[in-house]
Amino acid sequence: MLSCAANSVRPDDQALVSVIIASYNHAPYIEASIRSVLAQTYPFIELLVVDDGSTDGSVQLLKGLQAELGFDLRIQANQGLSRTLNESIARCQGSLIVPFGSDDIMFPQRIQRQVEHLRGKPEVGICAANIEIIDSHGEIKAEREQGHRSLPFRRLDFDDLFLDRKPGPMAATLMFRREALEKVGGFNPEIRLEDVYIELAITHAGYVIDILGEVLAQYRKHPTNTYKNLPFMVDNMLRTYSQYRDHPAYEEVVMRYRNSMFLKCANRDKPLARQLLGDITLRYWRLKTLRGVCRLLLK
């Protein structure tokens, strides 16, 4: 297992950060992701890379990179991201945990800035930051697509997140306290949209999320991004929300989400749109609902 400061002694007041990259069929992107972790200015990092059943040549690439760079590498049959993260967390050593996308890129100061922010703030279970969006070739996307690049610092509690009162954290920048992950039992293998689930679980347990007002990572948009799989998104978001059925705003939250996804699906996935519309009770119809109906009726 590689520490970026393998030959140095770590002071007691410097946290070890465990970065976990779980990869599935990301051969075009994963080398840039790995090298961005190893280029961090913060010296006390261990890197664990897990190939989760790739079929695109990733395994051969990763074995070559591991021989050159010396990080911990495991090759396994496909288990899904939540199970892979739980197993990796159980065997890593860090008190701070960073699950990192195998298609994303960290800026060199990312880990250092987040470690510095978390020091002396035990109430913060998750630290995140802003992102810059790039395309599949690593080119920076147009300014109109950079909505998460200039947001100010914000602190979120459970209701801020659940009720969508403030912009939430970006998955490409999440850093967790191990104790917060352990308090909620880690990721839920039955819910495959792991970032939203764990953010709600940790804030529901009493922690807050701090989101730094600076860009610390690049998020890569490409044809296989999870958010483009609309049935997957709807199913797993509704599963996540159902964990909080006892919240007084549960029905409102679910109906708002259905309205938002109905509008999005209306001209991209009409069968799913019809299903969503059937689940929106009349008293929760909004302007989005009417706009979605108009889209749905268009050929």
Protein backbone atom coordinates (compact mmCIF):
# COMPACT_ATOMS: atom_id res chain seq x y z
CA MET A 1 0.00 0.00 0.00
CA LEU A 2 1.53 3.27 -1.13
CA SER A 3 1.99 6.28 1.10
CA CYS A 4 3.06 9.39 -0.75
CA ALA A 5 5.53 9.82 2.08
CA ALA A 6 6.50 6.18 2.42
CA ASN A 7 9.91 6.94 3.85
CA SER A 8 8.92 9.78 6.20
CA VAL A 9 7.55 9.74 9.72
CA ARG A 10 4.03 11.10 10.08
CA PRO A 11 3.57 13.54 12.99
CA ASP A 12 0.76 12.73 15.39
CA ASP A 13 -1.16 15.86 14.39
CA GLN A 14 -1.14 14.97 10.69
CA ALA A 15 -3.96 12.66 9.63
CA LEU A 16 -3.36 9.76 7.29
CA VAL A 17 -5.73 10.08 4.33
CA SER A 18 -6.88 6.92 2.57
CA VAL A 19 -7.89 7.50 -1.06
CA ILE A 20 -9.96 4.70 -2.61
CA ILE A 21 -10.39 4.52 -6.38
CA ALA A 22 -12.85 1.83 -7.44
CA SER A 23 -12.91 1.45 -11.20
CA TYR A 24 -15.19 -0.25 -13.69
CA ASN A 25 -14.43 0.06 -17.42
CA HIS A 26 -12.68 3.43 -17.13
CA ALA A 27 -9.50 2.55 -19.01
CA PRO A 28 -9.43 5.88 -20.89
CA TYR A 29 -9.56 7.91 -17.66
CA ILE A 30 -8.12 6.04 -14.69
CA GLU A 31 -4.42 6.82 -15.22
CA ALA A 32 -5.09 10.56 -14.97
CA SER A 33 -7.14 9.97 -11.82
CA ILE A 34 -4.39 7.93 -10.13
CA ARG A 35 -1.61 10.34 -11.06
CA SER A 36 -3.61 13.27 -9.70
CA VAL A 37 -3.74 11.55 -6.30
CA LEU A 38 -0.01 10.88 -6.32
CA ALA A 39 0.69 14.52 -7.21
CA GLN A 40 -0.93 15.88 -4.02
CA THR A 41 0.95 18.44 -1.93
CA TYR A 42 -0.21 16.67 1.25
CA PRO A 43 2.38 13.96 1.97
CA PHE A 44 0.50 11.47 4.15
CA ILE A 45 -1.71 9.54 1.75
CA GLU A 46 -2.30 5.87 1.07
CA LEU A 47 -3.87 4.90 -2.25
CA LEU A 48 -6.01 1.83 -2.76
CA VAL A 49 -7.18 1.00 -6.29
CA VAL A 50 -9.78 -1.70 -6.95
CA ASP A 51 -10.80 -2.92 -10.38
CA ASP A 52 -14.40 -4.09 -10.05
CA GLY A 53 -14.70 -6.56 -12.90
CA SER A 54 -13.67 -4.38 -15.86
CA THR A 55 -13.78 -5.85 -19.36
CA ASP A 56 -12.18 -2.98 -21.29
CA GLY A 57 -8.44 -3.55 -20.79
CA SER A 58 -8.30 -1.69 -17.46
CA VAL A 59 -6.68 -4.61 -15.62
CA GLN A 60 -3.59 -4.72 -17.84
CA LEU A 61 -3.25 -0.94 -17.64
CA LEU A 62 -3.59 -0.93 -13.85
CA LYS A 63 -1.02 -3.70 -13.40
CA GLY A 64 1.47 -1.66 -15.39
CA LEU A 65 0.75 1.47 -13.35
CA GLN A 66 0.98 -0.47 -10.08
CA ALA A 67 4.41 -1.83 -11.07
CA GLU A 68 5.58 1.72 -11.81
CA LEU A 69 3.95 3.58 -8.91
CA GLY A 70 3.57 1.00 -6.14
CA PHE A 71 -0.02 1.62 -4.96
CA ASP A 72 -2.22 -1.09 -3.47
CA LEU A 73 -4.13 -2.83 -6.30
CA ARG A 74 -6.88 -5.43 -6.10
CA ILE A 75 -8.62 -7.11 -9.03
CA GLN A 76 -12.04 -8.62 -8.31
CA ALA A 77 -15.23 -9.84 -9.94
CA ASN A 78 -17.87 -7.15 -10.12
CA GLN A 79 -19.40 -6.42 -6.70
CA GLY A 80 -20.72 -2.90 -7.14
CA LEU A 81 -19.35 0.30 -5.72
CA SER A 82 -20.95 0.29 -2.25
CA ARG A 83 -19.65 -3.19 -1.35
CA THR A 84 -16.23 -2.37 -2.80
CA LEU A 85 -15.99 0.83 -0.76
CA ASN A 86 -17.02 -0.90 2.47
CA GLU A 87 -14.39 -3.61 2.00
CA SER A 88 -11.71 -1.05 1.13
CA ILE A 89 -12.53 1.11 4.15
CA ALA A 90 -12.26 -1.94 6.41
CA ARG A 91 -8.67 -2.61 5.30
CA CYS A 92 -7.32 0.94 4.91
CA GLN A 93 -5.55 2.79 7.73
CA GLY A 94 -6.59 6.43 7.38
CA SER A 95 -8.73 8.44 9.77
CA LEU A 96 -9.91 10.43 6.75
CA ILE A 97 -11.40 8.58 3.78
CA VAL A 98 -11.64 9.84 0.19
CA PRO A 99 -13.59 7.67 -2.28
CA PHE A 100 -12.55 9.12 -5.64
CA GLY A 101 -13.96 8.61 -9.10
CA SER A 102 -11.75 6.75 -11.54
CA ASP A 103 -12.76 9.28 -14.20
CA ASP A 104 -12.13 12.46 -12.15
CA ILE A 105 -9.02 14.52 -11.38
CA MET A 106 -7.84 16.15 -8.13
CA PHE A 107 -6.05 19.48 -8.12
CA PRO A 108 -2.68 19.18 -6.29
CA GLN A 109 -3.77 21.16 -3.20
CA ARG A 110 -7.08 19.33 -2.73
CA ILE A 111 -6.22 16.93 0.11
CA GLN A 112 -4.14 19.50 2.01
CA ARG A 113 -6.90 22.12 1.93
CA GLN A 114 -9.51 19.70 3.22
CA VAL A 115 -7.29 18.24 5.94
CA GLU A 116 -6.50 21.76 7.14
CA HIS A 117 -10.19 22.67 7.21
CA LEU A 118 -11.23 19.58 9.17
CA ARG A 119 -8.59 20.07 11.86
CA GLY A 120 -10.31 21.06 15.11
CA LYS A 121 -13.85 20.64 13.70
CA PRO A 122 -15.13 17.27 14.98
CA GLU A 123 -18.70 18.24 14.10
CA VAL A 124 -17.85 18.13 10.39
CA GLY A 125 -18.37 14.57 9.13
CA ILE A 126 -17.82 15.41 5.46
CA CYS A 127 -15.72 18.08 3.77
CA ALA A 128 -16.29 18.88 0.10
CA ALA A 129 -15.51 21.68 -2.35
CA ASN A 130 -16.45 23.09 -5.73
CA ILE A 131 -15.68 21.41 -9.06
CA GLU A 132 -14.73 22.26 -12.61
CA ILE A 133 -16.37 20.23 -15.36
CA ILE A 134 -14.31 18.67 -18.15
CA ASP A 135 -15.26 16.52 -21.11
CA SER A 136 -14.16 13.00 -21.99
CA HIS A 137 -10.95 14.37 -23.52
CA GLY A 138 -10.05 16.47 -20.45
CA GLU A 139 -11.03 19.78 -22.04
CA ILE A 140 -12.72 22.33 -19.76
CA LYS A 141 -16.41 22.70 -20.61
CA ALA A 142 -17.99 26.04 -21.55
CA GLU A 143 -18.71 28.56 -18.78
CA ARG A 144 -22.48 28.02 -19.05
CA GLU A 145 -21.92 24.43 -17.82
CA GLN A 146 -19.79 25.44 -14.82
CA GLY A 147 -22.55 26.06 -12.28
CA HIS A 148 -20.57 24.53 -9.39
CA ARG A 149 -17.31 26.42 -9.92
CA SER A 150 -18.01 29.67 -8.06
CA LEU A 151 -20.39 28.74 -5.23
CA PRO A 152 -19.50 30.25 -1.82
CA PHE A 153 -18.61 28.30 1.33
CA ARG A 154 -21.63 26.64 2.90
CA ARG A 155 -22.39 24.38 5.86
CA LEU A 156 -25.24 21.88 5.54
CA ASP A 157 -27.16 19.94 8.15
CA PHE A 158 -29.64 17.14 7.40
CA ASP A 159 -32.58 19.40 6.57
CA ASP A 160 -30.44 21.59 4.33
CA LEU A 161 -29.66 18.48 2.31
CA PHE A 162 -32.97 16.63 2.51
CA LEU A 163 -35.06 19.72 1.74
CA ASP A 164 -32.58 20.95 -0.89
CA ARG A 165 -32.20 24.32 0.85
CA LYS A 166 -28.57 24.79 -0.22
CA PRO A 167 -26.45 23.43 -3.08
CA GLY A 168 -25.16 20.04 -1.99
CA PRO A 169 -21.65 18.55 -2.09
CA MET A 170 -20.00 17.31 -5.27
CA ALA A 171 -19.10 13.61 -5.25
CA ALA A 172 -15.69 14.30 -6.80
CA THR A 173 -14.62 16.25 -3.69
CA LEU A 174 -15.93 14.20 -0.76
CA MET A 175 -13.67 13.60 2.25
CA PHE A 176 -15.15 11.62 5.18
CA ARG A 177 -14.20 11.20 8.80
CA ARG A 178 -13.83 7.46 9.35
CA GLU A 179 -15.73 7.73 12.63
CA ALA A 180 -18.72 9.25 10.79
CA LEU A 181 -18.76 6.43 8.25
CA GLU A 182 -18.50 3.84 11.02
CA LYS A 183 -21.28 5.50 13.03
CA VAL A 184 -23.78 4.96 10.18
CA GLY A 185 -22.54 1.49 9.24
CA GLY A 186 -20.86 2.53 6.00
CA PHE A 187 -22.45 2.41 2.57
CA ASN A 188 -25.67 0.50 1.89
CA PRO A 189 -25.11 -2.20 -0.77
CA GLU A 190 -28.84 -2.15 -1.56
CA ILE A 191 -28.68 1.52 -2.61
CA ARG A 192 -26.32 2.01 -5.53
CA LEU A 193 -26.36 5.81 -5.61
CA GLU A 194 -23.89 5.80 -2.77
CA ASP A 195 -23.00 9.48 -2.41
CA VAL A 196 -26.50 10.84 -1.71
CA TYR A 197 -27.27 7.93 0.63
CA ILE A 198 -24.15 8.40 2.75
CA GLU A 199 -24.45 12.20 2.89
CA LEU A 200 -27.98 11.96 4.24
CA ALA A 201 -27.04 9.16 6.66
CA ILE A 202 -24.10 11.07 8.12
CA THR A 203 -25.97 14.35 8.53
CA HIS A 204 -28.95 12.48 10.01
CA ALA A 205 -26.50 11.08 12.60
CA GLY A 206 -25.75 14.66 13.72
CA TYR A 207 -22.72 15.66 11.68
CA VAL A 208 -22.58 18.61 9.28
CA ILE A 209 -21.08 18.93 5.80
CA ASP A 210 -18.73 21.82 5.05
CA ILE A 211 -18.28 22.73 1.38
CA LEU A 212 -15.29 24.91 0.63
CA GLY A 213 -15.83 27.77 -1.80
CA GLU A 214 -12.94 26.85 -4.07
CA VAL A 215 -12.44 24.45 -6.96
CA LEU A 216 -10.47 21.41 -5.85
CA ALA A 217 -11.34 18.79 -8.47
CA GLN A 218 -12.39 18.26 -12.05
CA TYR A 219 -15.52 16.24 -12.73
CA ARG A 220 -15.49 14.48 -16.07
CA LYS A 221 -18.67 14.35 -18.16
CA HIS A 222 -18.71 11.49 -20.66
CA PRO A 223 -21.23 9.11 -22.28
CA THR A 224 -21.33 6.62 -19.38
CA ASN A 225 -21.83 8.98 -16.41
CA THR A 226 -24.24 7.46 -13.89
CA TYR A 227 -26.55 10.49 -13.84
CA LYS A 228 -27.44 9.84 -17.50
CA ASN A 229 -29.06 6.51 -16.54
CA LEU A 230 -32.46 7.96 -15.65
CA PRO A 231 -34.20 4.75 -14.42
CA PHE A 232 -31.18 4.03 -12.20
CA MET A 233 -31.26 7.57 -10.77
CA VAL A 234 -34.99 7.53 -10.06
CA ASP A 235 -34.98 4.09 -8.44
CA ASN A 236 -32.01 4.76 -6.17
CA MET A 237 -33.02 8.30 -5.18
CA LEU A 238 -36.49 7.08 -4.17
CA ARG A 239 -34.91 4.20 -2.24
CA THR A 240 -32.69 6.72 -0.46
CA TYR A 241 -35.52 9.08 0.42
CA SER A 242 -37.59 6.15 1.72
CA GLN A 243 -35.09 5.78 4.59
CA TYR A 244 -36.63 8.97 6.03
CA ARG A 245 -40.36 8.26 5.69
CA ASP A 246 -40.90 9.58 9.21
CA HIS A 247 -39.69 13.08 8.28
CA PRO A 248 -42.63 15.53 8.18
CA ALA A 249 -41.59 16.77 4.73
CA TYR A 250 -41.04 13.30 3.22
CA GLU A 251 -44.02 13.38 0.84
CA GLU A 252 -43.19 16.89 -0.33
CA VAL A 253 -39.56 15.97 -0.95
CA VAL A 254 -40.48 12.86 -2.94
CA MET A 255 -43.11 14.68 -5.00
CA ARG A 256 -40.70 17.52 -5.77
CA TYR A 257 -38.14 15.00 -6.96
CA ARG A 258 -40.71 13.17 -9.12
CA ASN A 259 -41.75 16.49 -10.67
CA SER A 260 -38.16 17.38 -11.46
CA MET A 261 -37.37 13.99 -12.99
CA PHE A 262 -40.68 13.89 -14.89
CA LEU A 263 -39.75 17.10 -16.66
CA LYS A 264 -36.29 15.72 -17.44
CA CYS A 265 -37.63 12.38 -18.69
CA ALA A 266 -40.54 13.75 -20.70
CA ASN A 267 -38.60 13.98 -23.95
CA ARG A 268 -35.80 11.51 -23.13
CA ASP A 269 -37.58 8.48 -21.63
CA LYS A 270 -41.32 8.71 -22.20
CA PRO A 271 -42.27 5.37 -20.52
CA LEU A 272 -40.45 6.44 -17.35
CA ALA A 273 -42.02 9.89 -17.62
CA ARG A 274 -45.51 8.37 -17.76
CA GLN A 275 -44.71 6.24 -14.72
CA LEU A 276 -43.52 9.30 -12.78
CA LEU A 277 -46.55 11.34 -13.79
CA GLY A 278 -48.85 8.60 -12.54
CA ASP A 279 -47.16 8.82 -9.13
CA ILE A 280 -47.54 12.61 -8.77
CA THR A 281 -50.76 13.37 -6.91
CA LEU A 282 -52.80 16.24 -8.30
CA ARG A 283 -52.18 18.55 -5.36
CA TYR A 284 -48.44 18.41 -6.08
CA TRP A 285 -48.77 19.41 -9.72
CA ARG A 286 -46.59 22.44 -10.42
CA LEU A 287 -45.45 24.44 -13.44
CA LYS A 288 -42.78 21.76 -13.99
CA THR A 289 -45.54 19.16 -14.22
CA LEU A 290 -47.41 21.14 -16.88
CA ARG A 291 -44.22 21.75 -18.85
CA GLY A 292 -43.47 18.03 -18.67
CA VAL A 293 -46.96 17.14 -19.91
CA CYS A 294 -46.44 19.42 -22.90
CA ARG A 295 -43.12 17.74 -23.65
CA LEU A 296 -44.65 14.31 -23.22
CA LEU A 297 -47.37 15.06 -25.75
CA LEU A 298 -44.91 16.26 -28.40
CA LYS A 299 -43.71 13.65 -30.86
